[in-house]
């Protein structure tokens, strides 16, 4: 169903351990929200969705990897949490319109046209007043962290132009995080990321800040 991309991610998630703690910026932004319905596009093993599910969110996880979704399901069971896992390619899968209070697009590095299409679908999936959280590697990481293709890395301007017009960027920023003890020991540069926290307008009259 999901072809070579699914096989590649199945292999990667089998061969190496993946982070299990939620993205700290997602925690910062989403922790004050009351539990609702969430969608995690490219969820992998579910580091972000599991944190939300434990807090009472109803989470739908979409990923190309059966292995990643299986890992997420087992982790959810161990935390007595319930998730809905969907095995699909997020670049072609269509979410129910207006069904979610929060959509997560974390470290899903896509080409410009595909990113715009995925974000358009994410916006349609949000209820008015809902939030989109997006994070990915900054282009300054090229050769250090993230994809080896510059087109798949982010800048604030690239992300701002990719956001649909009915989302307003409450936060759109470049921030830094260290890449772990080994990176510090080798004096590797910190991991620059671009993140956005947006709100959906009730109609299409809004714009980006």
Foldseek 3Di string as FASTA:
>chain_A
DLPPVQVVLQVVVVPDPDDQAADVVCCVPPVVPQAEEEEEEQQFLNSHPLVSQLNPHAYEYEHQYPNRPVNNCVVCVVSVGDYHYHNDHLLPDAAPFQAGQEYEAEAPFDALVSLLSSLVRVLRNHHAFGKYKYKHFALVCQPPDHDVDSRRHDDLVSVQVSHQFQKEFPDWDKDWDAPDDVCVVVVHDTTIMTMTMIGGHNDNPHGYD
